[in-house]
C-alpha atoms as a PDB file:
ATOM      1  CA  MET A   1       0.119  -0.028   0.176  1.00  0.00           C
ATOM      2  CA  GLY A   2       3.142   2.268  -0.609  1.00  0.00           C
ATOM      3  CA  ARG A   3       1.739   4.547  -3.178  1.00  0.00           C
ATOM      4  CA  CYS A   4      -1.320   5.455  -0.496  1.00  0.00           C
ATOM      5  CA  MET A   5       1.196   6.984   2.136  1.00  0.00           C
ATOM      6  CA  LYS A   6       0.204  10.628   3.150  1.00  0.00           C
ATOM      7  CA  LYS A   7      -2.054  10.971   0.468  1.00  0.00           C
ATOM      8  CA  ASN A   8      -5.477  12.523   0.165  1.00  0.00           C
ATOM      9  CA  ALA A   9      -9.427  10.867  -0.540  1.00  0.00           C
ATOM     10  CA  LEU A  10     -12.584  13.053  -0.998  1.00  0.00           C
ATOM     11  CA  ILE A  11     -15.615  10.258   0.286  1.00  0.00           C
ATOM     12  CA  PHE A  12     -19.258  11.269  -1.257  1.00  0.00           C
ATOM     13  CA  GLY A  13     -21.359   9.387  -0.174  1.00  0.00           C
ATOM     14  CA  ALA A  14     -19.455   7.666   2.724  1.00  0.00           C
ATOM     15  CA  ALA A  15     -21.339   6.403   4.601  1.00  0.00           C
ATOM     16  CA  GLY A  16     -22.636   3.801   2.959  1.00  0.00           C
ATOM     17  CA  ALA A  17     -22.141   0.312   2.422  1.00  0.00           C
ATOM     18  CA  ILE A  18     -19.162   0.720  -0.211  1.00  0.00           C
ATOM     19  CA  GLY A  19     -18.223   4.116   1.211  1.00  0.00           C
ATOM     20  CA  SER A  20     -17.835   3.624   4.189  1.00  0.00           C
ATOM     21  CA  ALA A  21     -15.870   0.069   3.336  1.00  0.00           C
ATOM     22  CA  VAL A  22     -13.295   2.432   1.435  1.00  0.00           C
ATOM     23  CA  LEU A  23     -12.694   5.045   4.091  1.00  0.00           C
ATOM     24  CA  LYS A  24     -11.949   2.581   6.249  1.00  0.00           C
ATOM     25  CA  THR A  25      -9.751   0.732   4.357  1.00  0.00           C
ATOM     26  CA  LEU A  26      -7.794   4.154   3.267  1.00  0.00           C
ATOM     27  CA  ASP A  27      -8.192   5.699   6.945  1.00  0.00           C
ATOM     28  CA  LYS A  28      -6.311   2.199   8.237  1.00  0.00           C
ATOM     29  CA  ASN A  29      -3.353   3.099   5.618  1.00  0.00           C
ATOM     30  CA  LYS A  30      -2.880   5.681   6.623  1.00  0.00           C
ATOM     31  CA  TRP A  31      -4.306   8.303   3.873  1.00  0.00           C
ATOM     32  CA  LYS A  32      -5.784  12.345   4.785  1.00  0.00           C
ATOM     33  CA  THR A  33      -9.696  11.532   3.824  1.00  0.00           C
ATOM     34  CA  ILE A  34     -12.457  13.840   4.095  1.00  0.00           C
ATOM     35  CA  ALA A  35     -15.907  11.743   4.021  1.00  0.00           C
ATOM     36  CA  VAL A  36     -19.106  13.517   2.748  1.00  0.00           C
ATOM     37  CA  SER A  37     -22.448  12.172   3.848  1.00  0.00           C
ATOM     38  CA  ARG A  38     -26.026  12.600   4.721  1.00  0.00           C
ATOM     39  CA  GLU A  39     -24.701  11.116   7.746  1.00  0.00           C
ATOM     40  CA  THR A  40     -21.923  11.045   9.521  1.00  0.00           C
ATOM     41  CA  SER A  41     -22.880   9.982  13.773  1.00  0.00           C
ATOM     42  CA  LEU A  42     -21.370   6.342  12.802  1.00  0.00           C
ATOM     43  CA  ILE A  43     -17.467   7.619  10.441  1.00  0.00           C
ATOM     44  CA  GLN A  44     -16.337  10.286  12.675  1.00  0.00           C
ATOM     45  CA  ASP A  45     -14.035   8.014  13.969  1.00  0.00           C
ATOM     46  CA  TYR A  46     -12.375   7.213  10.386  1.00  0.00           C
ATOM     47  CA  ALA A  47     -12.002  10.959   8.675  1.00  0.00           C
ATOM     48  CA  ASP A  48      -9.734  13.865   9.306  1.00  0.00           C
ATOM     49  CA  TYR A  49     -12.600  15.928   8.150  1.00  0.00           C
ATOM     50  CA  VAL A  50     -16.196  14.800   8.314  1.00  0.00           C
ATOM     51  CA  PHE A  51     -18.916  17.495   5.916  1.00  0.00           C
ATOM     52  CA  ASP A  52     -22.575  16.251   6.070  1.00  0.00           C
ATOM     53  CA  ILE A  53     -24.581  17.463   3.580  1.00  0.00           C
ATOM     54  CA  SER A  54     -27.568  16.438   1.520  1.00  0.00           C
ATOM     55  CA  PHE A  55     -27.166  15.993  -2.299  1.00  0.00           C
ATOM     56  CA  THR A  56     -29.920  17.183  -3.574  1.00  0.00           C
ATOM     57  CA  ASP A  57     -28.489  20.823  -2.434  1.00  0.00           C
ATOM     58  CA  VAL A  58     -26.354  22.360  -5.000  1.00  0.00           C
ATOM     59  CA  SER A  59     -25.385  25.519  -3.023  1.00  0.00           C
ATOM     60  CA  GLN A  60     -24.528  23.007  -0.246  1.00  0.00           C
ATOM     61  CA  ILE A  61     -22.394  21.052  -2.219  1.00  0.00           C
ATOM     62  CA  ALA A  62     -20.580  24.646  -3.919  1.00  0.00           C
ATOM     63  CA  GLN A  63     -19.811  26.049   0.156  1.00  0.00           C
ATOM     64  CA  THR A  64     -18.690  22.043   1.075  1.00  0.00           C
ATOM     65  CA  ALA A  65     -16.238  22.175  -1.811  1.00  0.00           C
ATOM     66  CA  TYR A  66     -15.108  25.520  -0.780  1.00  0.00           C
ATOM     67  CA  LEU A  67     -14.212  24.442   3.290  1.00  0.00           C
ATOM     68  CA  ILE A  68     -12.410  20.754   2.013  1.00  0.00           C
ATOM     69  CA  SER A  69     -10.683  24.039  -0.231  1.00  0.00           C
ATOM     70  CA  GLN A  70      -9.481  25.678   3.126  1.00  0.00           C
ATOM     71  CA  GLU A  71      -8.356  22.684   4.740  1.00  0.00           C
ATOM     72  CA  VAL A  72      -6.595  20.265   1.842  1.00  0.00           C
ATOM     73  CA  GLU A  73      -4.611  20.478  -1.156  1.00  0.00           C
ATOM     74  CA  GLY A  74      -4.251  18.321  -3.951  1.00  0.00           C
ATOM     75  CA  ILE A  75      -7.449  15.211  -3.413  1.00  0.00           C
ATOM     76  CA  ASP A  76      -5.552  12.508  -5.163  1.00  0.00           C
ATOM     77  CA  LEU A  77      -8.296   9.932  -5.017  1.00  0.00           C
ATOM     78  CA  TRP A  78     -12.024  11.104  -5.207  1.00  0.00           C
ATOM     79  CA  VAL A  79     -14.907   8.807  -5.231  1.00  0.00           C
ATOM     80  CA  TYR A  80     -18.434   9.328  -5.681  1.00  0.00           C
ATOM     81  CA  ALA A  81     -19.994   6.201  -3.692  1.00  0.00           C
ATOM     82  CA  ALA A  82     -23.747   7.484  -2.995  1.00  0.00           C
ATOM     83  CA  GLY A  83     -26.968   6.130  -4.246  1.00  0.00           C
ATOM     84  CA  ASP A  84     -30.189   4.961  -4.325  1.00  0.00           C
ATOM     85  CA  ILE A  85     -32.705   2.215  -5.450  1.00  0.00           C
ATOM     86  CA  LEU A  86     -36.615   1.293  -5.920  1.00  0.00           C
ATOM     87  CA  SER A  87     -38.186  -1.039  -8.074  1.00  0.00           C
ATOM     88  CA  ALA A  88     -41.356   0.445  -9.621  1.00  0.00           C
ATOM     89  CA  LYS A  89     -42.716   0.035 -12.958  1.00  0.00           C
ATOM     90  CA  ILE A  90     -42.479   2.985 -15.203  1.00  0.00           C
ATOM     91  CA  SER A  91     -46.665   2.543 -15.077  1.00  0.00           C
ATOM     92  CA  ASP A  92     -46.871   3.291 -11.356  1.00  0.00           C
ATOM     93  CA  MET A  93     -43.558   4.802 -10.102  1.00  0.00           C
ATOM     94  CA  ARG A  94     -44.265   8.679  -9.255  1.00  0.00           C
ATOM     95  CA  PRO A  95     -41.844  11.397 -11.555  1.00  0.00           C
ATOM     96  CA  GLU A  96     -40.568  12.039  -7.548  1.00  0.00           C
ATOM     97  CA  GLU A  97     -39.369   8.972  -7.584  1.00  0.00           C
ATOM     98  CA  TRP A  98     -37.517   8.492 -11.214  1.00  0.00           C
ATOM     99  CA  ASP A  99     -36.146  12.384  -9.552  1.00  0.00           C
ATOM    100  CA  ARG A 100     -34.578  10.407  -6.106  1.00  0.00           C
ATOM    101  CA  ILE A 101     -33.221   8.347  -8.059  1.00  0.00           C
ATOM    102  CA  LEU A 102     -31.579  10.041 -10.797  1.00  0.00           C
ATOM    103  CA  MET A 103     -30.377  12.868  -8.390  1.00  0.00           C
ATOM    104  CA  ALA A 104     -28.498   9.842  -6.318  1.00  0.00           C
ATOM    105  CA  ASN A 105     -26.908   7.691  -8.960  1.00  0.00           C
ATOM    106  CA  LEU A 106     -25.965  10.528 -11.440  1.00  0.00           C
ATOM    107  CA  SER A 107     -26.951  13.833 -11.139  1.00  0.00           C
ATOM    108  CA  GLY A 108     -25.316  13.882  -7.679  1.00  0.00           C
ATOM    109  CA  ALA A 109     -21.967  12.944  -9.292  1.00  0.00           C
ATOM    110  CA  PHE A 110     -21.815  15.172 -11.477  1.00  0.00           C
ATOM    111  CA  TYR A 111     -22.104  17.937  -8.891  1.00  0.00           C
ATOM    112  CA  THR A 112     -19.743  17.148  -6.597  1.00  0.00           C
ATOM    113  CA  LEU A 113     -17.558  16.371  -9.373  1.00  0.00           C
ATOM    114  CA  HIS A 114     -18.142  19.746 -10.768  1.00  0.00           C
ATOM    115  CA  PHE A 115     -17.279  21.862  -7.833  1.00  0.00           C
ATOM    116  CA  SER A 116     -14.592  19.058  -6.575  1.00  0.00           C
ATOM    117  CA  LEU A 117     -12.437  19.483  -9.641  1.00  0.00           C
ATOM    118  CA  PRO A 118     -10.130  22.301  -8.600  1.00  0.00           C
ATOM    119  CA  LEU A 119      -9.922  20.560  -5.848  1.00  0.00           C
ATOM    120  CA  LEU A 120      -8.056  17.251  -7.318  1.00  0.00           C
ATOM    121  CA  SER A 121      -4.127  17.355  -7.959  1.00  0.00           C
ATOM    122  CA  GLU A 122      -3.711  16.997 -11.827  1.00  0.00           C
ATOM    123  CA  GLY A 123      -3.112  13.216 -11.173  1.00  0.00           C
ATOM    124  CA  ALA A 124      -5.855  12.407  -9.300  1.00  0.00           C
ATOM    125  CA  HIS A 125      -7.633   8.970  -9.844  1.00  0.00           C
ATOM    126  CA  ILE A 126     -11.624   9.700  -9.805  1.00  0.00           C
ATOM    127  CA  PHE A 127     -14.009   6.689  -9.220  1.00  0.00           C
ATOM    128  CA  LEU A 128     -17.712   6.589  -9.492  1.00  0.00           C
ATOM    129  CA  ILE A 129     -19.736   3.225  -8.290  1.00  0.00           C
ATOM    130  CA  GLY A 130     -21.193   2.479 -11.221  1.00  0.00           C
ATOM    131  CA  ALA A 131     -23.146  -1.141 -12.108  1.00  0.00           C
ATOM    132  CA  VAL A 132     -23.285  -4.159 -14.698  1.00  0.00           C
ATOM    133  CA  SER A 133     -25.702  -1.944 -16.346  1.00  0.00           C
ATOM    134  CA  GLU A 134     -26.397  -4.383 -18.491  1.00  0.00           C
ATOM    135  CA  ARG A 135     -27.995  -6.291 -16.181  1.00  0.00           C
ATOM    136  CA  LEU A 136     -30.056  -4.162 -14.398  1.00  0.00           C
ATOM    137  CA  ARG A 137     -33.556  -4.244 -17.601  1.00  0.00           C
ATOM    138  CA  LEU A 138     -35.013  -5.175 -15.326  1.00  0.00           C
ATOM    139  CA  PRO A 139     -39.322  -4.838 -14.739  1.00  0.00           C
ATOM    140  CA  GLY A 140     -39.137  -1.893 -11.881  1.00  0.00           C
ATOM    141  CA  LEU A 141     -35.327  -0.861 -11.923  1.00  0.00           C
ATOM    142  CA  SER A 142     -35.470   1.540 -15.114  1.00  0.00           C
ATOM    143  CA  ALA A 143     -34.973   4.476 -13.093  1.00  0.00           C
ATOM    144  CA  TYR A 144     -31.663   2.773 -11.224  1.00  0.00           C
ATOM    145  CA  ALA A 145     -30.579   1.255 -14.612  1.00  0.00           C
ATOM    146  CA  VAL A 146     -30.903   4.375 -16.733  1.00  0.00           C
ATOM    147  CA  ALA A 147     -28.718   6.132 -13.324  1.00  0.00           C
ATOM    148  CA  LYS A 148     -25.919   3.124 -13.857  1.00  0.00           C
ATOM    149  CA  SER A 149     -25.670   3.728 -17.439  1.00  0.00           C
ATOM    150  CA  GLY A 150     -25.581   8.007 -18.133  1.00  0.00           C
ATOM    151  CA  LEU A 151     -22.669   7.311 -15.542  1.00  0.00           C
ATOM    152  CA  GLU A 152     -20.579   5.003 -17.445  1.00  0.00           C
ATOM    153  CA  ALA A 153     -21.726   7.298 -20.757  1.00  0.00           C
ATOM    154  CA  PHE A 154     -20.476  10.648 -18.434  1.00  0.00           C
ATOM    155  CA  ALA A 155     -17.074   9.053 -17.234  1.00  0.00           C
ATOM    156  CA  GLY A 156     -16.506   8.431 -20.620  1.00  0.00           C
ATOM    157  CA  VAL A 157     -16.793  11.814 -22.277  1.00  0.00           C
ATOM    158  CA  LEU A 158     -15.381  13.015 -18.542  1.00  0.00           C
ATOM    159  CA  ARG A 159     -11.637  10.664 -19.343  1.00  0.00           C
ATOM    160  CA  LYS A 160     -11.849  12.959 -23.088  1.00  0.00           C
ATOM    161  CA  GLU A 161     -12.227  16.266 -21.038  1.00  0.00           C
ATOM    162  CA  GLN A 162      -9.634  15.198 -18.276  1.00  0.00           C
ATOM    163  CA  ARG A 163      -7.371  13.913 -19.979  1.00  0.00           C
ATOM    164  CA  LYS A 164      -4.721  14.001 -17.203  1.00  0.00           C
ATOM    165  CA  LYS A 165      -6.486  12.434 -14.605  1.00  0.00           C
ATOM    166  CA  LEU A 166      -8.116   8.830 -14.523  1.00  0.00           C
ATOM    167  CA  VAL A 167     -11.156   8.306 -14.024  1.00  0.00           C
ATOM    168  CA  THR A 168     -13.206   4.036 -13.764  1.00  0.00           C
ATOM    169  CA  VAL A 169     -16.361   3.374 -13.172  1.00  0.00           C
ATOM    170  CA  VAL A 170     -16.537   0.559 -10.590  1.00  0.00           C
ATOM    171  CA  ARG A 171     -18.510  -2.209 -11.754  1.00  0.00           C
ATOM    172  CA  PRO A 172     -19.325  -4.615  -8.916  1.00  0.00           C
ATOM    173  CA  GLY A 173     -22.347  -7.385  -9.136  1.00  0.00           C
ATOM    174  CA  ALA A 174     -24.164  -8.129  -5.758  1.00  0.00           C
ATOM    175  CA  VAL A 175     -22.927  -6.765  -2.784  1.00  0.00           C
ATOM    176  CA  LYS A 176     -23.826  -6.917   0.366  1.00  0.00           C
ATOM    177  CA  THR A 177     -25.934  -3.333   1.249  1.00  0.00           C
ATOM    178  CA  THR A 178     -29.372  -2.452   2.048  1.00  0.00           C
ATOM    179  CA  PHE A 179     -30.297  -2.070  -0.999  1.00  0.00           C
ATOM    180  CA  TRP A 180     -31.647  -5.660  -1.974  1.00  0.00           C
ATOM    181  CA  ASP A 181     -34.116  -4.447   1.573  1.00  0.00           C
ATOM    182  CA  LYS A 182     -35.451  -1.720  -1.068  1.00  0.00           C
ATOM    183  CA  VAL A 183     -35.666  -4.717  -4.218  1.00  0.00           C
ATOM    184  CA  PRO A 184     -37.786  -7.989  -4.714  1.00  0.00           C
ATOM    185  CA  MET A 185     -34.917  -9.992  -5.654  1.00  0.00           C
ATOM    186  CA  LYS A 186     -33.280 -12.099  -2.712  1.00  0.00           C
ATOM    187  CA  ILE A 187     -29.639 -10.932  -2.314  1.00  0.00           C
ATOM    188  CA  PRO A 188     -27.276 -13.972  -4.195  1.00  0.00           C
ATOM    189  CA  PRO A 189     -25.237 -16.369  -2.064  1.00  0.00           C
ATOM    190  CA  ASP A 190     -22.221 -15.028  -3.861  1.00  0.00           C
ATOM    191  CA  ALA A 191     -22.705 -11.305  -3.310  1.00  0.00           C
ATOM    192  CA  ALA A 192     -19.447  -9.530  -2.642  1.00  0.00           C
ATOM    193  CA  SER A 193     -18.966  -7.931   1.243  1.00  0.00           C
ATOM    194  CA  PRO A 194     -18.528  -3.707   0.754  1.00  0.00           C
ATOM    195  CA  GLU A 195     -15.082  -4.790   2.376  1.00  0.00           C
ATOM    196  CA  LYS A 196     -13.784  -6.764  -1.036  1.00  0.00           C
ATOM    197  CA  VAL A 197     -15.488  -3.577  -3.264  1.00  0.00           C
ATOM    198  CA  ALA A 198     -12.913  -1.376  -1.201  1.00  0.00           C
ATOM    199  CA  LEU A 199      -9.662  -3.267  -1.377  1.00  0.00           C
ATOM    200  CA  LYS A 200     -10.125  -3.657  -5.530  1.00  0.00           C
ATOM    201  CA  ILE A 201     -10.942  -0.220  -5.936  1.00  0.00           C
ATOM    202  CA  ILE A 202      -7.786   0.505  -3.936  1.00  0.00           C
ATOM    203  CA  ALA A 203      -5.901  -1.658  -6.023  1.00  0.00           C
ATOM    204  CA  ALA A 204      -6.653  -0.111  -9.291  1.00  0.00           C
ATOM    205  CA  TYR A 205      -5.980   3.128  -7.928  1.00  0.00           C
ATOM    206  CA  GLN A 206      -2.221   1.734  -7.357  1.00  0.00           C
ATOM    207  CA  ALA A 207      -2.773  -0.645 -10.724  1.00  0.00           C
ATOM    208  CA  GLY A 208      -3.499   3.540 -12.392  1.00  0.00           C
ATOM    209  CA  HIS A 209      -6.403   1.586 -13.578  1.00  0.00           C
ATOM    210  CA  GLN A 210      -8.442   3.585 -16.639  1.00  0.00           C
ATOM    211  CA  GLY A 211     -12.077   2.395 -17.797  1.00  0.00           C
ATOM    212  CA  ASN A 212     -14.957  -0.018 -16.895  1.00  0.00           C
ATOM    213  CA  LEU A 213     -13.486  -2.029 -13.816  1.00  0.00           C
ATOM    214  CA  ASP A 214     -15.443  -5.409 -13.752  1.00  0.00           C
ATOM    215  CA  LEU A 215     -15.751  -7.133 -10.582  1.00  0.00           C
ATOM    216  CA  VAL A 216     -18.199 -10.054 -11.269  1.00  0.00           C
END
């Protein structure tokens, strides 16, 4: 983990299953960590700086980026691990539910990255937590499938615009998170732990990975 020593990491969605696993792994390996989440009480002990914000409030995101810039210079590892899911057929889904899922999984990634880019070091590595989007086109998952597919397109454009930075979309299969409580499917017995996903992200950072990272 030598490359990780004394590096700076910024994690959005740091209180979620994958986000907190990444945060704790980095903290254990002596990174300086900045954690941003809606609920921060469970991660206070694992981050050097903690910010509690709503990802739907653009002004809060901008203000948080400014506050971070006063504390840390040069983010080396940037992670967007926030997200949400629901299961509802297109005919039954309320517009506000559609908006919520796209905001959590796609628009939130844009807002947080837009205001974070000035904080990143020249060779920073950006990680977006995606999914194996082609497997998500199932009844009830239209909003989530669209958001995760859109995230990959967003990352593709980002790589062309930010050529000095690395951009990785992490595409895990089933992961043991509370998302399974929100859908009518059963969690597969071989679902990966969030800690395993976190270790794969750190390994991808060390290897200078670029593109989609399939963890299936």
